[in-house]
Amino acid sequence: MTWYEQSFGVDYLTVYKHRDAEQAKREVGHMIEWLQLPSQAKILDLCCGMGRHSISLADFGFDVTGVDLSEILLTKARESDAQSRINWLQGDM
């Protein structure tokens, strides 16, 4: 198993549990302004992890696909996406 496969598993969920949806919403709001994203744009969230930013982007009305290598993190992302608005894919960037 490679270092990045080991680093982004269950331990990641513990180490980064302090990162929450409110923080992601603020970050995404700034990103939308900086990039001047058109409404309803298609967004690819590469290395989406637990999906915080993907979910915030969907909340802002974007068509989001989240991609991550870690099945553990994608499982958490899918659980957080109660309305199944995001297309979650497992893959290596």
PDB file of N, CA and C in Angstrom:
ATOM      1  N   MET A   1       0.853  -1.186   0.000  1.00  0.00           N
ATOM      2  CA  MET A   1       0.000   0.000   0.000  1.00  0.00           C
ATOM      3  C   MET A   1       0.897   1.246   0.000  1.00  0.00           C
ATOM      4  N   THR A   2       0.560   2.206  -0.836  1.00  0.00           N
ATOM      5  CA  THR A   2       1.358   3.432  -0.939  1.00  0.00           C
ATOM      6  C   THR A   2       1.038   4.396   0.200  1.00  0.00           C
ATOM      7  N   TRP A   3       1.906   5.378   0.402  1.00  0.00           N
ATOM      8  CA  TRP A   3       1.748   6.329   1.515  1.00  0.00           C
ATOM      9  C   TRP A   3       0.424   7.072   1.426  1.00  0.00           C
ATOM     10  N   TYR A   4       0.018   7.454   0.218  1.00  0.00           N
ATOM     11  CA  TYR A   4      -1.211   8.242   0.095  1.00  0.00           C
ATOM     12  C   TYR A   4      -2.450   7.400   0.318  1.00  0.00           C
ATOM     13  N   GLU A   5      -2.372   6.108   0.048  1.00  0.00           N
ATOM     14  CA  GLU A   5      -3.502   5.239   0.359  1.00  0.00           C
ATOM     15  C   GLU A   5      -3.634   5.050   1.874  1.00  0.00           C
ATOM     16  N   GLN A   6      -2.514   5.008   2.565  1.00  0.00           N
ATOM     17  CA  GLN A   6      -2.521   4.883   4.020  1.00  0.00           C
ATOM     18  C   GLN A   6      -2.943   6.186   4.695  1.00  0.00           C
ATOM     19  N   SER A   7      -2.540   7.310   4.123  1.00  0.00           N
ATOM     20  CA  SER A   7      -2.758   8.619   4.760  1.00  0.00           C
ATOM     21  C   SER A   7      -4.202   9.094   4.712  1.00  0.00           C
ATOM     22  N   PHE A   8      -4.979   8.627   3.770  1.00  0.00           N
ATOM     23  CA  PHE A   8      -6.330   9.143   3.589  1.00  0.00           C
ATOM     24  C   PHE A   8      -7.387   8.077   3.892  1.00  0.00           C
ATOM     25  N   GLY A   9      -7.257   7.497   5.068  1.00  0.00           N
ATOM     26  CA  GLY A   9      -8.202   6.483   5.514  1.00  0.00           C
ATOM     27  C   GLY A   9      -8.899   6.928   6.782  1.00  0.00           C
ATOM     28  N   VAL A  10      -9.134   5.994   7.669  1.00  0.00           N
ATOM     29  CA  VAL A  10      -9.856   6.253   8.911  1.00  0.00           C
ATOM     30  C   VAL A  10      -9.138   7.303   9.768  1.00  0.00           C
ATOM     31  N   ASP A  11      -7.800   7.255   9.795  1.00  0.00           N
ATOM     32  CA  ASP A  11      -7.047   8.237  10.588  1.00  0.00           C
ATOM     33  C   ASP A  11      -7.310   9.668  10.118  1.00  0.00           C
ATOM     34  N   TYR A  12      -7.476   9.847   8.819  1.00  0.00           N
ATOM     35  CA  TYR A  12      -7.758  11.167   8.260  1.00  0.00           C
ATOM     36  C   TYR A  12      -9.042  11.742   8.847  1.00  0.00           C
ATOM     37  N   LEU A  13     -10.038  10.884   9.005  1.00  0.00           N
ATOM     38  CA  LEU A  13     -11.317  11.322   9.574  1.00  0.00           C
ATOM     39  C   LEU A  13     -11.137  11.858  10.990  1.00  0.00           C
ATOM     40  N   THR A  14     -10.228  11.268  11.735  1.00  0.00           N
ATOM     41  CA  THR A  14      -9.966  11.707  13.104  1.00  0.00           C
ATOM     42  C   THR A  14      -9.152  12.990  13.132  1.00  0.00           C
ATOM     43  N   VAL A  15      -8.096  13.039  12.350  1.00  0.00           N
ATOM     44  CA  VAL A  15      -7.194  14.191  12.349  1.00  0.00           C
ATOM     45  C   VAL A  15      -7.904  15.461  11.882  1.00  0.00           C
ATOM     46  N   TYR A  16      -8.800  15.339  10.909  1.00  0.00           N
ATOM     47  CA  TYR A  16      -9.441  16.518  10.321  1.00  0.00           C
ATOM     48  C   TYR A  16     -10.912  16.677  10.701  1.00  0.00           C
ATOM     49  N   LYS A  17     -11.312  16.088  11.820  1.00  0.00           N
ATOM     50  CA  LYS A  17     -12.718  16.198  12.222  1.00  0.00           C
ATOM     51  C   LYS A  17     -13.120  17.624  12.580  1.00  0.00           C
ATOM     52  N   HIS A  18     -12.144  18.496  12.826  1.00  0.00           N
ATOM     53  CA  HIS A  18     -12.440  19.892  13.157  1.00  0.00           C
ATOM     54  C   HIS A  18     -12.879  20.707  11.935  1.00  0.00           C
ATOM     55  N   ARG A  19     -12.654  20.198  10.758  1.00  0.00           N
ATOM     56  CA  ARG A  19     -13.087  20.895   9.544  1.00  0.00           C
ATOM     57  C   ARG A  19     -14.566  20.588   9.330  1.00  0.00           C
ATOM     58  N   ASP A  20     -15.364  21.641   9.218  1.00  0.00           N
ATOM     59  CA  ASP A  20     -16.806  21.423   9.173  1.00  0.00           C
ATOM     60  C   ASP A  20     -17.456  22.086   7.969  1.00  0.00           C
ATOM     61  N   ALA A  21     -18.752  21.904   7.866  1.00  0.00           N
ATOM     62  CA  ALA A  21     -19.528  22.414   6.729  1.00  0.00           C
ATOM     63  C   ALA A  21     -19.528  23.939   6.674  1.00  0.00           C
ATOM     64  N   GLU A  22     -19.548  24.593   7.826  1.00  0.00           N
ATOM     65  CA  GLU A  22     -19.552  26.068   7.838  1.00  0.00           C
ATOM     66  C   GLU A  22     -18.250  26.625   7.277  1.00  0.00           C
ATOM     67  N   GLN A  23     -17.144  26.021   7.645  1.00  0.00           N
ATOM     68  CA  GLN A  23     -15.850  26.443   7.108  1.00  0.00           C
ATOM     69  C   GLN A  23     -15.831  26.244   5.591  1.00  0.00           C
ATOM     70  N   ALA A  24     -16.308  25.095   5.146  1.00  0.00           N
ATOM     71  CA  ALA A  24     -16.337  24.811   3.709  1.00  0.00           C
ATOM     72  C   ALA A  24     -17.226  25.804   2.967  1.00  0.00           C
ATOM     73  N   LYS A  25     -18.369  26.158   3.562  1.00  0.00           N
ATOM     74  CA  LYS A  25     -19.281  27.111   2.921  1.00  0.00           C
ATOM     75  C   LYS A  25     -18.605  28.469   2.729  1.00  0.00           C
ATOM     76  N   ARG A  26     -17.870  28.924   3.746  1.00  0.00           N
ATOM     77  CA  ARG A  26     -17.147  30.196   3.627  1.00  0.00           C
ATOM     78  C   ARG A  26     -16.080  30.116   2.528  1.00  0.00           C
ATOM     79  N   GLU A  27     -15.327  29.024   2.521  1.00  0.00           N
ATOM     80  CA  GLU A  27     -14.273  28.857   1.521  1.00  0.00           C
ATOM     81  C   GLU A  27     -14.852  28.804   0.107  1.00  0.00           C
ATOM     82  N   VAL A  28     -15.940  28.076  -0.056  1.00  0.00           N
ATOM     83  CA  VAL A  28     -16.578  27.960  -1.368  1.00  0.00           C
ATOM     84  C   VAL A  28     -17.141  29.310  -1.807  1.00  0.00           C
ATOM     85  N   GLY A  29     -17.725  30.058  -0.889  1.00  0.00           N
ATOM     86  CA  GLY A  29     -18.233  31.386  -1.227  1.00  0.00           C
ATOM     87  C   GLY A  29     -17.136  32.282  -1.779  1.00  0.00           C
ATOM     88  N   HIS A  30     -15.973  32.258  -1.142  1.00  0.00           N
ATOM     89  CA  HIS A  30     -14.827  33.041  -1.633  1.00  0.00           C
ATOM     90  C   HIS A  30     -14.364  32.527  -2.999  1.00  0.00           C
ATOM     91  N   MET A  31     -14.318  31.221  -3.153  1.00  0.00           N
ATOM     92  CA  MET A  31     -13.882  30.613  -4.404  1.00  0.00           C
ATOM     93  C   MET A  31     -14.812  31.012  -5.557  1.00  0.00           C
ATOM     94  N   ILE A  32     -16.092  31.019  -5.310  1.00  0.00           N
ATOM     95  CA  ILE A  32     -17.061  31.401  -6.342  1.00  0.00           C
ATOM     96  C   ILE A  32     -16.804  32.838  -6.800  1.00  0.00           C
ATOM     97  N   GLU A  33     -16.550  33.721  -5.840  1.00  0.00           N
ATOM     98  CA  GLU A  33     -16.250  35.119  -6.173  1.00  0.00           C
ATOM     99  C   GLU A  33     -14.943  35.240  -6.943  1.00  0.00           C
ATOM    100  N   TRP A  34     -13.883  34.620  -6.440  1.00  0.00           N
ATOM    101  CA  TRP A  34     -12.560  34.731  -7.078  1.00  0.00           C
ATOM    102  C   TRP A  34     -12.567  34.216  -8.500  1.00  0.00           C
ATOM    103  N   LEU A  35     -13.245  33.085  -8.703  1.00  0.00           N
ATOM    104  CA  LEU A  35     -13.250  32.458 -10.024  1.00  0.00           C
ATOM    105  C   LEU A  35     -14.363  32.964 -10.924  1.00  0.00           C
ATOM    106  N   GLN A  36     -15.268  33.752 -10.356  1.00  0.00           N
ATOM    107  CA  GLN A  36     -16.420  34.273 -11.091  1.00  0.00           C
ATOM    108  C   GLN A  36     -17.162  33.137 -11.801  1.00  0.00           C
ATOM    109  N   LEU A  37     -17.488  32.115 -11.015  1.00  0.00           N
ATOM    110  CA  LEU A  37     -18.155  30.937 -11.568  1.00  0.00           C
ATOM    111  C   LEU A  37     -19.579  31.269 -12.005  1.00  0.00           C
ATOM    112  N   PRO A  38     -19.940  30.875 -13.212  1.00  0.00           N
ATOM    113  CA  PRO A  38     -21.320  31.097 -13.660  1.00  0.00           C
ATOM    114  C   PRO A  38     -22.268  30.161 -12.905  1.00  0.00           C
ATOM    115  N   SER A  39     -23.482  30.620 -12.679  1.00  0.00           N
ATOM    116  CA  SER A  39     -24.451  29.797 -11.954  1.00  0.00           C
ATOM    117  C   SER A  39     -24.692  28.487 -12.698  1.00  0.00           C
ATOM    118  N   GLN A  40     -24.890  27.442 -11.940  1.00  0.00           N
ATOM    119  CA  GLN A  40     -25.174  26.098 -12.440  1.00  0.00           C
ATOM    120  C   GLN A  40     -24.023  25.501 -13.264  1.00  0.00           C
ATOM    121  N   ALA A  41     -22.808  26.011 -13.092  1.00  0.00           N
ATOM    122  CA  ALA A  41     -21.650  25.460 -13.806  1.00  0.00           C
ATOM    123  C   ALA A  41     -21.400  24.027 -13.349  1.00  0.00           C
ATOM    124  N   LYS A  42     -20.749  23.261 -14.199  1.00  0.00           N
ATOM    125  CA  LYS A  42     -20.329  21.908 -13.845  1.00  0.00           C
ATOM    126  C   LYS A  42     -18.974  22.015 -13.153  1.00  0.00           C
ATOM    127  N   ILE A  43     -18.876  21.394 -11.969  1.00  0.00           N
ATOM    128  CA  ILE A  43     -17.666  21.489 -11.161  1.00  0.00           C
ATOM    129  C   ILE A  43     -17.124  20.089 -10.907  1.00  0.00           C
ATOM    130  N   LEU A  44     -15.829  19.910 -11.117  1.00  0.00           N
ATOM    131  CA  LEU A  44     -15.142  18.677 -10.762  1.00  0.00           C
ATOM    132  C   LEU A  44     -14.324  18.966  -9.507  1.00  0.00           C
ATOM    133  N   ASP A  45     -14.685  18.310  -8.411  1.00  0.00           N
ATOM    134  CA  ASP A  45     -13.946  18.447  -7.158  1.00  0.00           C
ATOM    135  C   ASP A  45     -13.003  17.252  -7.068  1.00  0.00           C
ATOM    136  N   LEU A  46     -11.781  17.479  -7.527  1.00  0.00           N
ATOM    137  CA  LEU A  46     -10.772  16.435  -7.552  1.00  0.00           C
ATOM    138  C   LEU A  46     -10.137  16.321  -6.178  1.00  0.00           C
ATOM    139  N   CYS A  47      -9.985  15.111  -5.704  1.00  0.00           N
ATOM    140  CA  CYS A  47      -9.506  14.846  -4.335  1.00  0.00           C
ATOM    141  C   CYS A  47     -10.501  15.423  -3.337  1.00  0.00           C
ATOM    142  N   CYS A  48     -11.753  15.070  -3.511  1.00  0.00           N
ATOM    143  CA  CYS A  48     -12.849  15.669  -2.747  1.00  0.00           C
ATOM    144  C   CYS A  48     -12.912  15.214  -1.295  1.00  0.00           C
ATOM    145  N   GLY A  49     -12.210  14.160  -0.954  1.00  0.00           N
ATOM    146  CA  GLY A  49     -12.190  13.703   0.432  1.00  0.00           C
ATOM    147  C   GLY A  49     -13.576  13.399   0.963  1.00  0.00           C
ATOM    148  N   MET A  50     -13.894  13.988   2.106  1.00  0.00           N
ATOM    149  CA  MET A  50     -15.180  13.761   2.772  1.00  0.00           C
ATOM    150  C   MET A  50     -16.324  14.534   2.125  1.00  0.00           C
ATOM    151  N   GLY A  51     -16.025  15.334   1.114  1.00  0.00           N
ATOM    152  CA  GLY A  51     -17.071  15.985   0.334  1.00  0.00           C
ATOM    153  C   GLY A  51     -17.571  17.319   0.846  1.00  0.00           C
ATOM    154  N   ARG A  52     -16.895  17.916   1.825  1.00  0.00           N
ATOM    155  CA  ARG A  52     -17.386  19.181   2.382  1.00  0.00           C
ATOM    156  C   ARG A  52     -17.552  20.258   1.311  1.00  0.00           C
ATOM    157  N   HIS A  53     -16.541  20.419   0.476  1.00  0.00           N
ATOM    158  CA  HIS A  53     -16.615  21.461  -0.560  1.00  0.00           C
ATOM    159  C   HIS A  53     -17.594  21.077  -1.663  1.00  0.00           C
ATOM    160  N   SER A  54     -17.630  19.804  -2.026  1.00  0.00           N
ATOM    161  CA  SER A  54     -18.594  19.351  -3.045  1.00  0.00           C
ATOM    162  C   SER A  54     -20.019  19.661  -2.608  1.00  0.00           C
ATOM    163  N   ILE A  55     -20.323  19.348  -1.361  1.00  0.00           N
ATOM    164  CA  ILE A  55     -21.680  19.585  -0.841  1.00  0.00           C
ATOM    165  C   ILE A  55     -21.991  21.073  -0.805  1.00  0.00           C
ATOM    166  N   SER A  56     -21.035  21.884  -0.393  1.00  0.00           N
ATOM    167  CA  SER A  56     -21.253  23.338  -0.395  1.00  0.00           C
ATOM    168  C   SER A  56     -21.473  23.855  -1.807  1.00  0.00           C
ATOM    169  N   LEU A  57     -20.703  23.355  -2.752  1.00  0.00           N
ATOM    170  CA  LEU A  57     -20.893  23.763  -4.149  1.00  0.00           C
ATOM    171  C   LEU A  57     -22.292  23.388  -4.641  1.00  0.00           C
ATOM    172  N   ALA A  58     -22.745  22.195  -4.295  1.00  0.00           N
ATOM    173  CA  ALA A  58     -24.108  21.782  -4.668  1.00  0.00           C
ATOM    174  C   ALA A  58     -25.140  22.678  -3.992  1.00  0.00           C
ATOM    175  N   ASP A  59     -24.886  23.074  -2.748  1.00  0.00           N
ATOM    176  CA  ASP A  59     -25.799  23.989  -2.044  1.00  0.00           C
ATOM    177  C   ASP A  59     -25.917  25.325  -2.768  1.00  0.00           C
ATOM    178  N   PHE A  60     -24.832  25.739  -3.424  1.00  0.00           N
ATOM    179  CA  PHE A  60     -24.840  26.993  -4.193  1.00  0.00           C
ATOM    180  C   PHE A  60     -25.437  26.800  -5.592  1.00  0.00           C
ATOM    181  N   GLY A  61     -25.857  25.573  -5.921  1.00  0.00           N
ATOM    182  CA  GLY A  61     -26.543  25.330  -7.189  1.00  0.00           C
ATOM    183  C   GLY A  61     -25.680  24.791  -8.309  1.00  0.00           C
ATOM    184  N   PHE A  62     -24.464  24.385  -8.022  1.00  0.00           N
ATOM    185  CA  PHE A  62     -23.592  23.863  -9.065  1.00  0.00           C
ATOM    186  C   PHE A  62     -23.831  22.367  -9.280  1.00  0.00           C
ATOM    187  N   ASP A  63     -23.498  21.902 -10.473  1.00  0.00           N
ATOM    188  CA  ASP A  63     -23.580  20.493 -10.852  1.00  0.00           C
ATOM    189  C   ASP A  63     -22.211  19.885 -10.536  1.00  0.00           C
ATOM    190  N   VAL A  64     -22.129  19.078  -9.479  1.00  0.00           N
ATOM    191  CA  VAL A  64     -20.843  18.672  -8.920  1.00  0.00           C
ATOM    192  C   VAL A  64     -20.581  17.177  -9.088  1.00  0.00           C
ATOM    193  N   THR A  65     -19.346  16.887  -9.466  1.00  0.00           N
ATOM    194  CA  THR A  65     -18.813  15.531  -9.432  1.00  0.00           C
ATOM    195  C   THR A  65     -17.620  15.545  -8.492  1.00  0.00           C
ATOM    196  N   GLY A  66     -17.641  14.650  -7.516  1.00  0.00           N
ATOM    197  CA  GLY A  66     -16.539  14.537  -6.566  1.00  0.00           C
ATOM    198  C   GLY A  66     -15.760  13.262  -6.833  1.00  0.00           C
ATOM    199  N   VAL A  67     -14.435  13.383  -6.932  1.00  0.00           N
ATOM    200  CA  VAL A  67     -13.569  12.243  -7.204  1.00  0.00           C
ATOM    201  C   VAL A  67     -12.524  12.127  -6.109  1.00  0.00           C
ATOM    202  N   ASP A  68     -12.351  10.919  -5.583  1.00  0.00           N
ATOM    203  CA  ASP A  68     -11.307  10.681  -4.597  1.00  0.00           C
ATOM    204  C   ASP A  68     -10.855   9.233  -4.709  1.00  0.00           C
ATOM    205  N   LEU A  69      -9.621   8.980  -4.324  1.00  0.00           N
ATOM    206  CA  LEU A  69      -9.072   7.633  -4.343  1.00  0.00           C
ATOM    207  C   LEU A  69      -9.558   6.810  -3.154  1.00  0.00           C
ATOM    208  N   SER A  70      -9.794   7.482  -2.035  1.00  0.00           N
ATOM    209  CA  SER A  70     -10.121   6.788  -0.790  1.00  0.00           C
ATOM    210  C   SER A  70     -11.597   6.398  -0.710  1.00  0.00           C
ATOM    211  N   GLU A  71     -11.851   5.102  -0.684  1.00  0.00           N
ATOM    212  CA  GLU A  71     -13.230   4.629  -0.541  1.00  0.00           C
ATOM    213  C   GLU A  71     -13.778   5.007   0.837  1.00  0.00           C
ATOM    214  N   ILE A  72     -12.917   5.050   1.838  1.00  0.00           N
ATOM    215  CA  ILE A  72     -13.340   5.435   3.188  1.00  0.00           C
ATOM    216  C   ILE A  72     -13.867   6.871   3.190  1.00  0.00           C
ATOM    217  N   LEU A  73     -13.134   7.782   2.576  1.00  0.00           N
ATOM    218  CA  LEU A  73     -13.569   9.180   2.527  1.00  0.00           C
ATOM    219  C   LEU A  73     -14.793   9.345   1.639  1.00  0.00           C
ATOM    220  N   LEU A  74     -14.868   8.607   0.540  1.00  0.00           N
ATOM    221  CA  LEU A  74     -16.049   8.686  -0.327  1.00  0.00           C
ATOM    222  C   LEU A  74     -17.296   8.158   0.365  1.00  0.00           C
ATOM    223  N   THR A  75     -17.132   7.134   1.184  1.00  0.00           N
ATOM    224  CA  THR A  75     -18.272   6.626   1.951  1.00  0.00           C
ATOM    225  C   THR A  75     -18.807   7.710   2.867  1.00  0.00           C
ATOM    226  N   LYS A  76     -17.917   8.419   3.532  1.00  0.00           N
ATOM    227  CA  LYS A  76     -18.317   9.534   4.408  1.00  0.00           C
ATOM    228  C   LYS A  76     -18.995  10.635   3.578  1.00  0.00           C
ATOM    229  N   ALA A  77     -18.452  10.929   2.409  1.00  0.00           N
ATOM    230  CA  ALA A  77     -19.044  11.950   1.536  1.00  0.00           C
ATOM    231  C   ALA A  77     -20.458  11.557   1.125  1.00  0.00           C
ATOM    232  N   ARG A  78     -20.631  10.317   0.721  1.00  0.00           N
ATOM    233  CA  ARG A  78     -21.966   9.846   0.315  1.00  0.00           C
ATOM    234  C   ARG A  78     -22.959   9.924   1.469  1.00  0.00           C
ATOM    235  N   GLU A  79     -22.503   9.588   2.668  1.00  0.00           N
ATOM    236  CA  GLU A  79     -23.368   9.675   3.849  1.00  0.00           C
ATOM    237  C   GLU A  79     -23.778  11.123   4.133  1.00  0.00           C
ATOM    238  N   SER A  80     -22.886  12.059   3.860  1.00  0.00           N
ATOM    239  CA  SER A  80     -23.166  13.477   4.115  1.00  0.00           C
ATOM    240  C   SER A  80     -24.052  14.098   3.043  1.00  0.00           C
ATOM    241  N   ASP A  81     -24.131  13.463   1.897  1.00  0.00           N
ATOM    242  CA  ASP A  81     -24.929  13.947   0.767  1.00  0.00           C
ATOM    243  C   ASP A  81     -26.308  13.299   0.813  1.00  0.00           C
ATOM    244  N   ALA A  82     -27.090  13.691   1.797  1.00  0.00           N
ATOM    245  CA  ALA A  82     -28.389  13.058   2.064  1.00  0.00           C
ATOM    246  C   ALA A  82     -29.322  13.067   0.853  1.00  0.00           C
ATOM    247  N   GLN A  83     -29.234  14.096   0.027  1.00  0.00           N
ATOM    248  CA  GLN A  83     -30.132  14.208  -1.125  1.00  0.00           C
ATOM    249  C   GLN A  83     -29.547  13.595  -2.401  1.00  0.00           C
ATOM    250  N   SER A  84     -28.355  13.008  -2.289  1.00  0.00           N
ATOM    251  CA  SER A  84     -27.683  12.362  -3.433  1.00  0.00           C
ATOM    252  C   SER A  84     -27.607  13.282  -4.650  1.00  0.00           C
ATOM    253  N   ARG A  85     -27.170  14.511  -4.413  1.00  0.00           N
ATOM    254  CA  ARG A  85     -27.088  15.495  -5.501  1.00  0.00           C
ATOM    255  C   ARG A  85     -25.767  15.425  -6.265  1.00  0.00           C
ATOM    256  N   ILE A  86     -24.785  14.758  -5.687  1.00  0.00           N
ATOM    257  CA  ILE A  86     -23.429  14.786  -6.243  1.00  0.00           C
ATOM    258  C   ILE A  86     -23.092  13.417  -6.817  1.00  0.00           C
ATOM    259  N   ASN A  87     -22.413  13.435  -7.946  1.00  0.00           N
ATOM    260  CA  ASN A  87     -21.934  12.214  -8.561  1.00  0.00           C
ATOM    261  C   ASN A  87     -20.560  11.896  -7.950  1.00  0.00           C
ATOM    262  N   TRP A  88     -20.507  10.878  -7.086  1.00  0.00           N
ATOM    263  CA  TRP A  88     -19.275  10.503  -6.380  1.00  0.00           C
ATOM    264  C   TRP A  88     -18.584   9.384  -7.158  1.00  0.00           C
ATOM    265  N   LEU A  89     -17.301   9.573  -7.458  1.00  0.00           N
ATOM    266  CA  LEU A  89     -16.540   8.576  -8.204  1.00  0.00           C
ATOM    267  C   LEU A  89     -15.241   8.269  -7.471  1.00  0.00           C
ATOM    268  N   GLN A  90     -14.878   6.992  -7.451  1.00  0.00           N
ATOM    269  CA  GLN A  90     -13.584   6.612  -6.897  1.00  0.00           C
ATOM    270  C   GLN A  90     -12.589   6.542  -8.031  1.00  0.00           C
ATOM    271  N   GLY A  91     -11.465   7.240  -7.861  1.00  0.00           N
ATOM    272  CA  GLY A  91     -10.428   7.224  -8.883  1.00  0.00           C
ATOM    273  C   GLY A  91      -9.198   7.968  -8.431  1.00  0.00           C
ATOM    274  N   ASP A  92      -8.114   7.705  -9.105  1.00  0.00           N
ATOM    275  CA  ASP A  92      -6.822   8.341  -8.823  1.00  0.00           C
ATOM    276  C   ASP A  92      -6.665   9.544  -9.746  1.00  0.00           C
ATOM    277  N   MET A  93      -6.363  10.689  -9.168  1.00  0.00           N
ATOM    278  CA  MET A  93      -6.236  11.883 -10.002  1.00  0.00           C
ATOM    279  C   MET A  93      -5.116  11.751 -10.988  1.00  0.00           C
TER     280      MET A  93
END
